[in-house]
C-alpha atoms as a PDB file:
ATOM      1  CA  MET A   1      81.866  -8.025-166.869  1.00  0.00           C
ATOM      2  CA  SER A   2      85.379  -6.214-167.270  1.00  0.00           C
ATOM      3  CA  ARG A   3      87.645  -6.095-170.328  1.00  0.00           C
ATOM      4  CA  HIS A   4      89.878  -3.561-170.092  1.00  0.00           C
ATOM      5  CA  GLU A   5      93.273  -3.691-168.499  1.00  0.00           C
ATOM      6  CA  ASP A   6      93.507  -0.120-167.078  1.00  0.00           C
ATOM      7  CA  PRO A   7      92.190  -0.608-163.132  1.00  0.00           C
ATOM      8  CA  ARG A   8      90.518   2.787-163.483  1.00  0.00           C
ATOM      9  CA  ILE A   9      87.754   1.848-166.261  1.00  0.00           C
ATOM     10  CA  ALA A  10      87.983  -2.101-165.194  1.00  0.00           C
ATOM     11  CA  ARG A  11      86.695  -0.815-161.904  1.00  0.00           C
ATOM     12  CA  ILE A  12      83.997   1.281-163.702  1.00  0.00           C
ATOM     13  CA  VAL A  13      82.740  -1.367-165.951  1.00  0.00           C
ATOM     14  CA  THR A  14      82.132  -3.401-163.489  1.00  0.00           C
ATOM     15  CA  LEU A  15      80.375  -1.486-160.570  1.00  0.00           C
ATOM     16  CA  PHE A  16      77.849  -0.519-163.466  1.00  0.00           C
ATOM     17  CA  GLU A  17      77.332  -3.925-164.573  1.00  0.00           C
ATOM     18  CA  THR A  18      76.921  -5.182-161.213  1.00  0.00           C
ATOM     19  CA  LEU A  19      75.101  -2.024-159.561  1.00  0.00           C
ATOM     20  CA  SER A  20      71.999  -2.925-157.397  1.00  0.00           C
ATOM     21  CA  PRO A  21      70.133  -0.845-154.781  1.00  0.00           C
ATOM     22  CA  ALA A  22      72.577  -2.311-152.420  1.00  0.00           C
ATOM     23  CA  GLY A  23      75.414  -1.279-154.284  1.00  0.00           C
ATOM     24  CA  LEU A  24      74.759   2.272-154.533  1.00  0.00           C
ATOM     25  CA  PRO A  25      76.525   3.506-151.108  1.00  0.00           C
ATOM     26  CA  GLN A  26      79.515   2.264-153.790  1.00  0.00           C
ATOM     27  CA  LEU A  27      78.812   5.379-156.220  1.00  0.00           C
ATOM     28  CA  ALA A  28      80.397   7.844-153.665  1.00  0.00           C
ATOM     29  CA  SER A  29      83.427   5.938-154.578  1.00  0.00           C
ATOM     30  CA  LEU A  30      83.226   5.918-158.177  1.00  0.00           C
ATOM     31  CA  TYR A  31      82.335   9.784-158.207  1.00  0.00           C
ATOM     32  CA  THR A  32      84.423  13.218-157.310  1.00  0.00           C
ATOM     33  CA  GLU A  33      82.468  14.522-154.366  1.00  0.00           C
ATOM     34  CA  ASP A  34      81.253  17.089-156.994  1.00  0.00           C
ATOM     35  CA  ALA A  35      80.812  15.244-160.035  1.00  0.00           C
ATOM     36  CA  ARG A  36      78.417  15.917-162.996  1.00  0.00           C
ATOM     37  CA  PHE A  37      76.091  13.511-165.070  1.00  0.00           C
ATOM     38  CA  LYS A  38      73.841  14.283-167.527  1.00  0.00           C
ATOM     39  CA  ASP A  39      71.833  12.355-169.727  1.00  0.00           C
ATOM     40  CA  PRO A  40      68.606  13.138-172.162  1.00  0.00           C
ATOM     41  CA  PHE A  41      66.493  13.467-169.101  1.00  0.00           C
ATOM     42  CA  ASN A  42      68.725  14.598-166.478  1.00  0.00           C
ATOM     43  CA  GLU A  43      71.710  17.150-165.285  1.00  0.00           C
ATOM     44  CA  VAL A  44      72.479  17.203-162.110  1.00  0.00           C
ATOM     45  CA  GLN A  45      75.669  17.437-160.197  1.00  0.00           C
ATOM     46  CA  GLY A  46      77.413  15.550-156.943  1.00  0.00           C
ATOM     47  CA  VAL A  47      77.259  12.603-155.807  1.00  0.00           C
ATOM     48  CA  PRO A  48      73.792  12.870-153.592  1.00  0.00           C
ATOM     49  CA  ALA A  49      72.158  13.779-156.983  1.00  0.00           C
ATOM     50  CA  ILE A  50      73.729  11.326-158.809  1.00  0.00           C
ATOM     51  CA  ARG A  51      72.874   8.287-156.543  1.00  0.00           C
ATOM     52  CA  ALA A  52      69.369   9.704-156.378  1.00  0.00           C
ATOM     53  CA  ILE A  53      68.824   9.166-160.385  1.00  0.00           C
ATOM     54  CA  PHE A  54      69.919   5.836-159.833  1.00  0.00           C
ATOM     55  CA  GLU A  55      67.847   4.777-156.587  1.00  0.00           C
ATOM     56  CA  HIS A  56      64.745   6.471-158.993  1.00  0.00           C
ATOM     57  CA  MET A  57      65.733   3.733-161.584  1.00  0.00           C
ATOM     58  CA  PHE A  58      65.570   0.667-159.505  1.00  0.00           C
ATOM     59  CA  VAL A  59      62.320   2.309-158.052  1.00  0.00           C
ATOM     60  CA  SER A  60      61.062   2.780-161.281  1.00  0.00           C
ATOM     61  CA  LEU A  61      61.967   0.102-163.541  1.00  0.00           C
ATOM     62  CA  ASP A  62      62.072  -4.022-162.960  1.00  0.00           C
ATOM     63  CA  GLY A  63      65.418  -5.636-163.085  1.00  0.00           C
ATOM     64  CA  PRO A  64      67.527  -2.799-164.748  1.00  0.00           C
ATOM     65  CA  ARG A  65      70.539  -3.603-165.621  1.00  0.00           C
ATOM     66  CA  PHE A  66      73.786  -2.258-168.083  1.00  0.00           C
ATOM     67  CA  VAL A  67      75.639  -4.653-170.405  1.00  0.00           C
ATOM     68  CA  VAL A  68      78.953  -2.614-171.732  1.00  0.00           C
ATOM     69  CA  HIS A  69      80.279  -3.575-174.840  1.00  0.00           C
ATOM     70  CA  ASP A  70      82.772  -1.610-175.930  1.00  0.00           C
ATOM     71  CA  VAL A  71      85.325   0.385-174.124  1.00  0.00           C
ATOM     72  CA  VAL A  72      87.371   3.231-176.194  1.00  0.00           C
ATOM     73  CA  VAL A  73      90.310   4.737-173.041  1.00  0.00           C
ATOM     74  CA  GLN A  74      92.183   7.842-174.180  1.00  0.00           C
ATOM     75  CA  GLY A  75      94.177   9.159-170.933  1.00  0.00           C
ATOM     76  CA  GLY A  76      91.996  10.498-168.512  1.00  0.00           C
ATOM     77  CA  GLN A  77      88.986  10.064-170.809  1.00  0.00           C
ATOM     78  CA  CYS A  78      86.488   6.853-171.594  1.00  0.00           C
ATOM     79  CA  PHE A  79      83.813   6.145-173.994  1.00  0.00           C
ATOM     80  CA  LEU A  80      81.488   3.117-173.013  1.00  0.00           C
ATOM     81  CA  THR A  81      79.098   1.957-175.424  1.00  0.00           C
ATOM     82  CA  TRP A  82      76.394  -0.191-173.630  1.00  0.00           C
ATOM     83  CA  ASP A  83      72.909  -2.163-173.376  1.00  0.00           C
ATOM     84  CA  PHE A  84      70.736  -0.997-170.879  1.00  0.00           C
ATOM     85  CA  VAL A  85      67.908  -3.641-170.301  1.00  0.00           C
ATOM     86  CA  PHE A  86      64.924  -3.343-167.723  1.00  0.00           C
ATOM     87  CA  ARG A  87      61.083  -4.454-167.697  1.00  0.00           C
ATOM     88  CA  LEU A  88      58.405  -1.312-166.894  1.00  0.00           C
ATOM     89  CA  ARG A  89      56.305  -1.664-163.418  1.00  0.00           C
ATOM     90  CA  ARG A  90      53.554  -3.697-165.128  1.00  0.00           C
ATOM     91  CA  ALA A  91      52.229  -7.164-165.189  1.00  0.00           C
ATOM     92  CA  GLY A  92      53.658  -9.117-168.322  1.00  0.00           C
ATOM     93  CA  SER A  93      55.548  -6.000-169.573  1.00  0.00           C
ATOM     94  CA  ASP A  94      58.640  -7.887-172.033  1.00  0.00           C
ATOM     95  CA  GLU A  95      61.825  -6.964-171.512  1.00  0.00           C
ATOM     96  CA  LEU A  96      63.487  -3.541-173.037  1.00  0.00           C
ATOM     97  CA  VAL A  97      66.709  -2.305-174.169  1.00  0.00           C
ATOM     98  CA  VAL A  98      68.079   0.787-174.806  1.00  0.00           C
ATOM     99  CA  ARG A  99      71.194   1.050-176.332  1.00  0.00           C
ATOM    100  CA  GLY A 100      73.552   3.873-176.009  1.00  0.00           C
ATOM    101  CA  GLY A 101      76.867   5.021-175.126  1.00  0.00           C
ATOM    102  CA  THR A 102      79.126   6.949-172.348  1.00  0.00           C
ATOM    103  CA  HIS A 103      81.658   9.903-171.966  1.00  0.00           C
ATOM    104  CA  LEU A 104      83.501   9.822-168.796  1.00  0.00           C
ATOM    105  CA  LYS A 105      85.965  12.356-167.761  1.00  0.00           C
ATOM    106  CA  LEU A 106      88.547  11.017-165.061  1.00  0.00           C
ATOM    107  CA  ALA A 107      89.626  13.246-162.355  1.00  0.00           C
ATOM    108  CA  ALA A 108      93.932  12.710-161.700  1.00  0.00           C
ATOM    109  CA  ASP A 109      92.548  10.000-158.580  1.00  0.00           C
ATOM    110  CA  GLY A 110      90.771   8.175-161.518  1.00  0.00           C
ATOM    111  CA  ARG A 111      87.115   8.853-160.141  1.00  0.00           C
ATOM    112  CA  ILE A 112      84.345  10.079-162.749  1.00  0.00           C
ATOM    113  CA  GLY A 113      84.226  14.017-162.871  1.00  0.00           C
ATOM    114  CA  VAL A 114      81.915  13.901-166.022  1.00  0.00           C
ATOM    115  CA  HIS A 115      79.613  11.227-167.073  1.00  0.00           C
ATOM    116  CA  ARG A 116      77.680  12.451-170.259  1.00  0.00           C
ATOM    117  CA  ASP A 117      74.815   9.191-171.476  1.00  0.00           C
ATOM    118  CA  TYR A 118      74.128   9.606-175.199  1.00  0.00           C
ATOM    119  CA  TRP A 119      71.260   8.010-176.030  1.00  0.00           C
ATOM    120  CA  ASP A 120      68.016   8.623-178.356  1.00  0.00           C
ATOM    121  CA  ALA A 121      65.097   8.970-175.954  1.00  0.00           C
ATOM    122  CA  ALA A 122      62.226   8.768-178.773  1.00  0.00           C
ATOM    123  CA  GLU A 123      63.464   5.924-181.014  1.00  0.00           C
ATOM    124  CA  GLU A 124      64.912   3.878-177.819  1.00  0.00           C
ATOM    125  CA  ILE A 125      62.268   4.388-175.144  1.00  0.00           C
ATOM    126  CA  TYR A 126      59.093   6.241-176.932  1.00  0.00           C
ATOM    127  CA  GLU A 127      58.635   4.470-179.341  1.00  0.00           C
ATOM    128  CA  LYS A 128      58.809   1.315-177.894  1.00  0.00           C
ATOM    129  CA  LEU A 129      55.704   2.097-175.461  1.00  0.00           C
ATOM    130  CA  PRO A 130      52.092   1.083-176.779  1.00  0.00           C
ATOM    131  CA  LEU A 131      50.607   4.231-177.662  1.00  0.00           C
ATOM    132  CA  LEU A 132      52.896   6.819-177.821  1.00  0.00           C
ATOM    133  CA  GLY A 133      55.327   4.351-179.713  1.00  0.00           C
ATOM    134  CA  THR A 134      52.713   4.262-182.350  1.00  0.00           C
ATOM    135  CA  LEU A 135      52.697   8.375-182.791  1.00  0.00           C
ATOM    136  CA  MET A 136      56.121   8.577-182.789  1.00  0.00           C
ATOM    137  CA  ARG A 137      56.397   5.181-185.361  1.00  0.00           C
ATOM    138  CA  TRP A 138      54.017   7.652-187.724  1.00  0.00           C
ATOM    139  CA  LEU A 139      55.345  10.931-186.907  1.00  0.00           C
ATOM    140  CA  LYS A 140      59.273   9.758-187.440  1.00  0.00           C
ATOM    141  CA  ARG A 141      57.330   8.347-191.077  1.00  0.00           C
ATOM    142  CA  ARG A 142      56.394  11.645-191.748  1.00  0.00           C
ATOM    143  CA  VAL A 143      59.090  13.256-191.429  1.00  0.00           C
ATOM    144  CA  ASN A 144      61.339  10.569-193.291  1.00  0.00           C
ATOM    145  CA  ARG A 145      59.084  11.108-196.676  1.00  0.00           C
END
């Protein structure tokens, strides 16, 4: 779980690593009311919209969870590296891992005001899908020549 001495960051890391559908109401205490969230698929503002992204994650995937590896804090900003581990909702799906990072800007009260996730959707998702993965790997080889 949390490995950071800053109580603001320890709370954030713990909540992300233990997040479950039952814990989604806790997001309101983690984010400011007008917080902004951006990742390769979404760009939203406000706690209800951020919560909807996590709700969709739990509905769409089996056993999604975050494992935080590194934490760097400077003043009111934080950068986390993590693995997002999950299974697709189909029988026999292998566990998949997406590696990424998160840049957080904290409000004066320690809640998250800006949450920006960085990860490569092509490499981390598309290349791992059966049919699309074959095409993406072929395209990657063609571009790298």
